Amino acid sequence: MVVPHTSGYLAAGPLTTNLTIQAKCPLAIADHLLVPTNRTTIALTLDALTHRGPARAAYQPPC
């Protein structure tokens, strides 16, 4: 567990987008082991991988 969670963020840069699952979907309760199977995480990852450049901070995944 990383406390605070922002300690796990990557350094800011032109190809970096730090996202928080609960900022996108406040009711999402994915702990460390469930993050890879969380539908919000999967949607954010697929969105980031389907276009050039960094992940889109404005993208709103299904919650």
PDB file of N, CA and C in Angstrom:
ATOM      1  N   MET A   1       0.845  -1.163   0.000  1.00  0.00           N
ATOM      2  CA  MET A   1       0.000   0.000   0.000  1.00  0.00           C
ATOM      3  C   MET A   1       0.895   1.232   0.000  1.00  0.00           C
ATOM      4  N   VAL A   2       0.522   2.206  -0.793  1.00  0.00           N
ATOM      5  CA  VAL A   2       1.261   3.459  -0.878  1.00  0.00           C
ATOM      6  C   VAL A   2       0.444   4.536  -0.178  1.00  0.00           C
ATOM      7  N   VAL A   3       1.017   5.140   0.840  1.00  0.00           N
ATOM      8  CA  VAL A   3       0.312   6.174   1.600  1.00  0.00           C
ATOM      9  C   VAL A   3       1.201   7.401   1.672  1.00  0.00           C
ATOM     10  N   PRO A   4       0.769   8.554   1.245  1.00  0.00           N
ATOM     11  CA  PRO A   4      -0.477   8.783   0.528  1.00  0.00           C
ATOM     12  C   PRO A   4      -0.399   8.225  -0.895  1.00  0.00           C
ATOM     13  N   HIS A   5      -1.539   8.012  -1.510  1.00  0.00           N
ATOM     14  CA  HIS A   5      -1.569   7.386  -2.838  1.00  0.00           C
ATOM     15  C   HIS A   5      -0.802   8.206  -3.872  1.00  0.00           C
ATOM     16  N   THR A   6      -0.691   9.511  -3.675  1.00  0.00           N
ATOM     17  CA  THR A   6       0.036  10.352  -4.622  1.00  0.00           C
ATOM     18  C   THR A   6       1.536  10.066  -4.621  1.00  0.00           C
ATOM     19  N   SER A   7       2.032   9.347  -3.619  1.00  0.00           N
ATOM     20  CA  SER A   7       3.447   8.961  -3.600  1.00  0.00           C
ATOM     21  C   SER A   7       3.777   7.998  -4.733  1.00  0.00           C
ATOM     22  N   GLY A   8       2.766   7.331  -5.280  1.00  0.00           N
ATOM     23  CA  GLY A   8       2.973   6.402  -6.380  1.00  0.00           C
ATOM     24  C   GLY A   8       2.838   7.037  -7.747  1.00  0.00           C
ATOM     25  N   TYR A   9       2.560   8.326  -7.798  1.00  0.00           N
ATOM     26  CA  TYR A   9       2.417   9.017  -9.083  1.00  0.00           C
ATOM     27  C   TYR A   9       3.767   9.119  -9.788  1.00  0.00           C
ATOM     28  N   LEU A  10       3.720   9.151 -11.110  1.00  0.00           N
ATOM     29  CA  LEU A  10       4.918   9.376 -11.914  1.00  0.00           C
ATOM     30  C   LEU A  10       5.207  10.872 -11.965  1.00  0.00           C
ATOM     31  N   ALA A  11       6.457  11.220 -12.242  1.00  0.00           N
ATOM     32  CA  ALA A  11       6.824  12.629 -12.361  1.00  0.00           C
ATOM     33  C   ALA A  11       6.054  13.261 -13.517  1.00  0.00           C
ATOM     34  N   ALA A  12       5.601  14.481 -13.321  1.00  0.00           N
ATOM     35  CA  ALA A  12       4.853  15.182 -14.364  1.00  0.00           C
ATOM     36  C   ALA A  12       5.726  15.367 -15.595  1.00  0.00           C
ATOM     37  N   GLY A  13       5.108  15.228 -16.749  1.00  0.00           N
ATOM     38  CA  GLY A  13       5.832  15.393 -18.011  1.00  0.00           C
ATOM     39  C   GLY A  13       4.863  15.364 -19.169  1.00  0.00           C
ATOM     40  N   PRO A  14       5.336  15.620 -20.375  1.00  0.00           N
ATOM     41  CA  PRO A  14       4.454  15.694 -21.538  1.00  0.00           C
ATOM     42  C   PRO A  14       3.807  14.362 -21.918  1.00  0.00           C
ATOM     43  N   LEU A  15       4.354  13.257 -21.458  1.00  0.00           N
ATOM     44  CA  LEU A  15       3.791  11.944 -21.780  1.00  0.00           C
ATOM     45  C   LEU A  15       3.255  11.238 -20.544  1.00  0.00           C
ATOM     46  N   THR A  16       2.960  11.997 -19.494  1.00  0.00           N
ATOM     47  CA  THR A  16       2.498  11.415 -18.231  1.00  0.00           C
ATOM     48  C   THR A  16       1.126  11.950 -17.864  1.00  0.00           C
ATOM     49  N   THR A  17       0.226  11.042 -17.509  1.00  0.00           N
ATOM     50  CA  THR A  17      -1.074  11.419 -16.959  1.00  0.00           C
ATOM     51  C   THR A  17      -1.313  10.543 -15.741  1.00  0.00           C
ATOM     52  N   ASN A  18      -1.380  11.134 -14.568  1.00  0.00           N
ATOM     53  CA  ASN A  18      -1.683  10.393 -13.346  1.00  0.00           C
ATOM     54  C   ASN A  18      -3.179  10.472 -13.101  1.00  0.00           C
ATOM     55  N   LEU A  19      -3.810   9.316 -12.967  1.00  0.00           N
ATOM     56  CA  LEU A  19      -5.253   9.245 -12.752  1.00  0.00           C
ATOM     57  C   LEU A  19      -5.537   8.476 -11.475  1.00  0.00           C
ATOM     58  N   THR A  20      -6.609   8.840 -10.795  1.00  0.00           N
ATOM     59  CA  THR A  20      -7.060   8.137  -9.600  1.00  0.00           C
ATOM     60  C   THR A  20      -8.418   7.520  -9.904  1.00  0.00           C
ATOM     61  N   ILE A  21      -8.548   6.232  -9.669  1.00  0.00           N
ATOM     62  CA  ILE A  21      -9.801   5.533  -9.977  1.00  0.00           C
ATOM     63  C   ILE A  21     -10.981   6.213  -9.303  1.00  0.00           C
ATOM     64  N   GLN A  22     -10.852   6.523  -8.020  1.00  0.00           N
ATOM     65  CA  GLN A  22     -11.970   7.101  -7.275  1.00  0.00           C
ATOM     66  C   GLN A  22     -12.281   8.537  -7.713  1.00  0.00           C
ATOM     67  N   ALA A  23     -11.338   9.230  -8.332  1.00  0.00           N
ATOM     68  CA  ALA A  23     -11.630  10.568  -8.863  1.00  0.00           C
ATOM     69  C   ALA A  23     -12.541  10.462 -10.078  1.00  0.00           C
ATOM     70  N   LYS A  24     -12.415   9.371 -10.819  1.00  0.00           N
ATOM     71  CA  LYS A  24     -13.259   9.138 -11.989  1.00  0.00           C
ATOM     72  C   LYS A  24     -14.570   8.477 -11.598  1.00  0.00           C
ATOM     73  N   CYS A  25     -14.529   7.559 -10.664  1.00  0.00           N
ATOM     74  CA  CYS A  25     -15.710   6.821 -10.218  1.00  0.00           C
ATOM     75  C   CYS A  25     -15.661   6.725  -8.691  1.00  0.00           C
ATOM     76  N   PRO A  26     -16.239   7.700  -7.997  1.00  0.00           N
ATOM     77  CA  PRO A  26     -16.125   7.768  -6.532  1.00  0.00           C
ATOM     78  C   PRO A  26     -16.572   6.514  -5.777  1.00  0.00           C
ATOM     79  N   LEU A  27     -17.485   5.751  -6.346  1.00  0.00           N
ATOM     80  CA  LEU A  27     -17.965   4.566  -5.639  1.00  0.00           C
ATOM     81  C   LEU A  27     -17.158   3.305  -5.946  1.00  0.00           C
ATOM     82  N   ALA A  28     -16.152   3.420  -6.801  1.00  0.00           N
ATOM     83  CA  ALA A  28     -15.308   2.274  -7.131  1.00  0.00           C
ATOM     84  C   ALA A  28     -14.431   1.942  -5.924  1.00  0.00           C
ATOM     85  N   ILE A  29     -14.517   0.715  -5.463  1.00  0.00           N
ATOM     86  CA  ILE A  29     -13.720   0.300  -4.302  1.00  0.00           C
ATOM     87  C   ILE A  29     -12.786  -0.833  -4.733  1.00  0.00           C
ATOM     88  N   ALA A  30     -11.717  -0.463  -5.407  1.00  0.00           N
ATOM     89  CA  ALA A  30     -10.744  -1.446  -5.868  1.00  0.00           C
ATOM     90  C   ALA A  30      -9.500  -1.332  -5.006  1.00  0.00           C
ATOM     91  N   ASP A  31      -9.234  -2.371  -4.218  1.00  0.00           N
ATOM     92  CA  ASP A  31      -8.001  -2.362  -3.449  1.00  0.00           C
ATOM     93  C   ASP A  31      -6.861  -2.839  -4.352  1.00  0.00           C
ATOM     94  N   HIS A  32      -5.687  -2.970  -3.803  1.00  0.00           N
ATOM     95  CA  HIS A  32      -4.490  -3.282  -4.581  1.00  0.00           C
ATOM     96  C   HIS A  32      -4.666  -4.533  -5.454  1.00  0.00           C
ATOM     97  N   LEU A  33      -5.247  -5.581  -4.928  1.00  0.00           N
ATOM     98  CA  LEU A  33      -5.393  -6.828  -5.682  1.00  0.00           C
ATOM     99  C   LEU A  33      -6.492  -6.774  -6.739  1.00  0.00           C
ATOM    100  N   LEU A  34      -7.485  -5.920  -6.545  1.00  0.00           N
ATOM    101  CA  LEU A  34      -8.605  -5.860  -7.481  1.00  0.00           C
ATOM    102  C   LEU A  34      -8.426  -4.837  -8.594  1.00  0.00           C
ATOM    103  N   VAL A  35      -7.437  -3.983  -8.484  1.00  0.00           N
ATOM    104  CA  VAL A  35      -7.248  -2.945  -9.501  1.00  0.00           C
ATOM    105  C   VAL A  35      -7.161  -3.532 -10.920  1.00  0.00           C
ATOM    106  N   PRO A  36      -6.403  -4.603 -11.181  1.00  0.00           N
ATOM    107  CA  PRO A  36      -6.313  -5.116 -12.550  1.00  0.00           C
ATOM    108  C   PRO A  36      -7.630  -5.631 -13.123  1.00  0.00           C
ATOM    109  N   THR A  37      -8.588  -5.987 -12.290  1.00  0.00           N
ATOM    110  CA  THR A  37      -9.863  -6.506 -12.789  1.00  0.00           C
ATOM    111  C   THR A  37     -10.991  -5.482 -12.668  1.00  0.00           C
ATOM    112  N   ASN A  38     -10.688  -4.293 -12.192  1.00  0.00           N
ATOM    113  CA  ASN A  38     -11.690  -3.247 -12.032  1.00  0.00           C
ATOM    114  C   ASN A  38     -12.064  -2.674 -13.389  1.00  0.00           C
ATOM    115  N   ARG A  39     -13.363  -2.568 -13.687  1.00  0.00           N
ATOM    116  CA  ARG A  39     -13.779  -2.122 -15.017  1.00  0.00           C
ATOM    117  C   ARG A  39     -13.369  -0.686 -15.306  1.00  0.00           C
ATOM    118  N   THR A  40     -13.287   0.162 -14.298  1.00  0.00           N
ATOM    119  CA  THR A  40     -12.816   1.535 -14.505  1.00  0.00           C
ATOM    120  C   THR A  40     -11.354   1.531 -14.917  1.00  0.00           C
ATOM    121  N   THR A  41     -10.536   0.733 -14.232  1.00  0.00           N
ATOM    122  CA  THR A  41      -9.118   0.625 -14.569  1.00  0.00           C
ATOM    123  C   THR A  41      -8.937   0.114 -15.986  1.00  0.00           C
ATOM    124  N   ILE A  42      -9.683  -0.907 -16.344  1.00  0.00           N
ATOM    125  CA  ILE A  42      -9.582  -1.485 -17.686  1.00  0.00           C
ATOM    126  C   ILE A  42      -9.967  -0.455 -18.740  1.00  0.00           C
ATOM    127  N   ALA A  43     -11.049   0.280 -18.517  1.00  0.00           N
ATOM    128  CA  ALA A  43     -11.492   1.299 -19.480  1.00  0.00           C
ATOM    129  C   ALA A  43     -10.447   2.408 -19.619  1.00  0.00           C
ATOM    130  N   LEU A  44      -9.882   2.868 -18.501  1.00  0.00           N
ATOM    131  CA  LEU A  44      -8.856   3.913 -18.557  1.00  0.00           C
ATOM    132  C   LEU A  44      -7.622   3.415 -19.314  1.00  0.00           C
ATOM    133  N   THR A  45      -7.226   2.177 -19.059  1.00  0.00           N
ATOM    134  CA  THR A  45      -6.054   1.605 -19.722  1.00  0.00           C
ATOM    135  C   THR A  45      -6.285   1.461 -21.219  1.00  0.00           C
ATOM    136  N   LEU A  46      -7.433   0.910 -21.612  1.00  0.00           N
ATOM    137  CA  LEU A  46      -7.730   0.739 -23.031  1.00  0.00           C
ATOM    138  C   LEU A  46      -7.813   2.077 -23.746  1.00  0.00           C
ATOM    139  N   ASP A  47      -8.402   3.085 -23.092  1.00  0.00           N
ATOM    140  CA  ASP A  47      -8.464   4.404 -23.704  1.00  0.00           C
ATOM    141  C   ASP A  47      -7.059   4.955 -23.928  1.00  0.00           C
ATOM    142  N   ALA A  48      -6.190   4.802 -22.940  1.00  0.00           N
ATOM    143  CA  ALA A  48      -4.824   5.322 -23.064  1.00  0.00           C
ATOM    144  C   ALA A  48      -4.032   4.607 -24.156  1.00  0.00           C
ATOM    145  N   LEU A  49      -4.332   3.334 -24.369  1.00  0.00           N
ATOM    146  CA  LEU A  49      -3.579   2.549 -25.356  1.00  0.00           C
ATOM    147  C   LEU A  49      -4.102   2.683 -26.779  1.00  0.00           C
ATOM    148  N   THR A  50      -5.266   3.289 -26.957  1.00  0.00           N
ATOM    149  CA  THR A  50      -5.871   3.337 -28.294  1.00  0.00           C
ATOM    150  C   THR A  50      -5.658   4.651 -29.025  1.00  0.00           C
ATOM    151  N   HIS A  51      -4.831   5.528 -28.489  1.00  0.00           N
ATOM    152  CA  HIS A  51      -4.499   6.761 -29.202  1.00  0.00           C
ATOM    153  C   HIS A  51      -3.070   7.176 -28.868  1.00  0.00           C
ATOM    154  N   ARG A  52      -2.519   8.037 -29.710  1.00  0.00           N
ATOM    155  CA  ARG A  52      -1.148   8.508 -29.493  1.00  0.00           C
ATOM    156  C   ARG A  52      -1.109   9.487 -28.328  1.00  0.00           C
ATOM    157  N   GLY A  53       0.039   9.559 -27.678  1.00  0.00           N
ATOM    158  CA  GLY A  53       0.231  10.500 -26.606  1.00  0.00           C
ATOM    159  C   GLY A  53      -0.196   9.922 -25.259  1.00  0.00           C
ATOM    160  N   PRO A  54      -0.221  10.769 -24.244  1.00  0.00           N
ATOM    161  CA  PRO A  54      -0.568  10.306 -22.891  1.00  0.00           C
ATOM    162  C   PRO A  54      -2.053  10.034 -22.755  1.00  0.00           C
ATOM    163  N   ALA A  55      -2.418   9.431 -21.655  1.00  0.00           N
ATOM    164  CA  ALA A  55      -3.837   9.186 -21.361  1.00  0.00           C
ATOM    165  C   ALA A  55      -4.569  10.524 -21.291  1.00  0.00           C
ATOM    166  N   ARG A  56      -5.823  10.500 -21.685  1.00  0.00           N
ATOM    167  CA  ARG A  56      -6.628  11.728 -21.679  1.00  0.00           C
ATOM    168  C   ARG A  56      -7.243  11.910 -20.283  1.00  0.00           C
ATOM    169  N   ALA A  57      -6.847  12.957 -19.600  1.00  0.00           N
ATOM    170  CA  ALA A  57      -7.351  13.214 -18.260  1.00  0.00           C
ATOM    171  C   ALA A  57      -8.856  13.490 -18.269  1.00  0.00           C
ATOM    172  N   ALA A  58      -9.388  13.985 -19.382  1.00  0.00           N
ATOM    173  CA  ALA A  58     -10.807  14.316 -19.475  1.00  0.00           C
ATOM    174  C   ALA A  58     -11.688  13.095 -19.749  1.00  0.00           C
ATOM    175  N   TYR A  59     -11.089  11.968 -20.125  1.00  0.00           N
ATOM    176  CA  TYR A  59     -11.883  10.762 -20.434  1.00  0.00           C
ATOM    177  C   TYR A  59     -12.642  10.297 -19.200  1.00  0.00           C
ATOM    178  N   GLN A  60     -13.931  10.031 -19.354  1.00  0.00           N
ATOM    179  CA  GLN A  60     -14.749   9.529 -18.264  1.00  0.00           C
ATOM    180  C   GLN A  60     -15.149   8.085 -18.569  1.00  0.00           C
ATOM    181  N   PRO A  61     -14.584   7.124 -17.859  1.00  0.00           N
ATOM    182  CA  PRO A  61     -14.929   5.720 -18.096  1.00  0.00           C
ATOM    183  C   PRO A  61     -16.295   5.398 -17.515  1.00  0.00           C
ATOM    184  N   PRO A  62     -16.876   4.262 -17.930  1.00  0.00           N
ATOM    185  CA  PRO A  62     -18.118   3.823 -17.286  1.00  0.00           C
ATOM    186  C   PRO A  62     -17.844   3.419 -15.842  1.00  0.00           C
ATOM    187  N   CYS A  63     -18.747   3.770 -14.957  1.00  0.00           N
ATOM    188  CA  CYS A  63     -18.550   3.436 -13.552  1.00  0.00           C
ATOM    189  C   CYS A  63     -19.426   2.270 -13.129  1.00  0.00           C
TER     190      CYS A  63
END
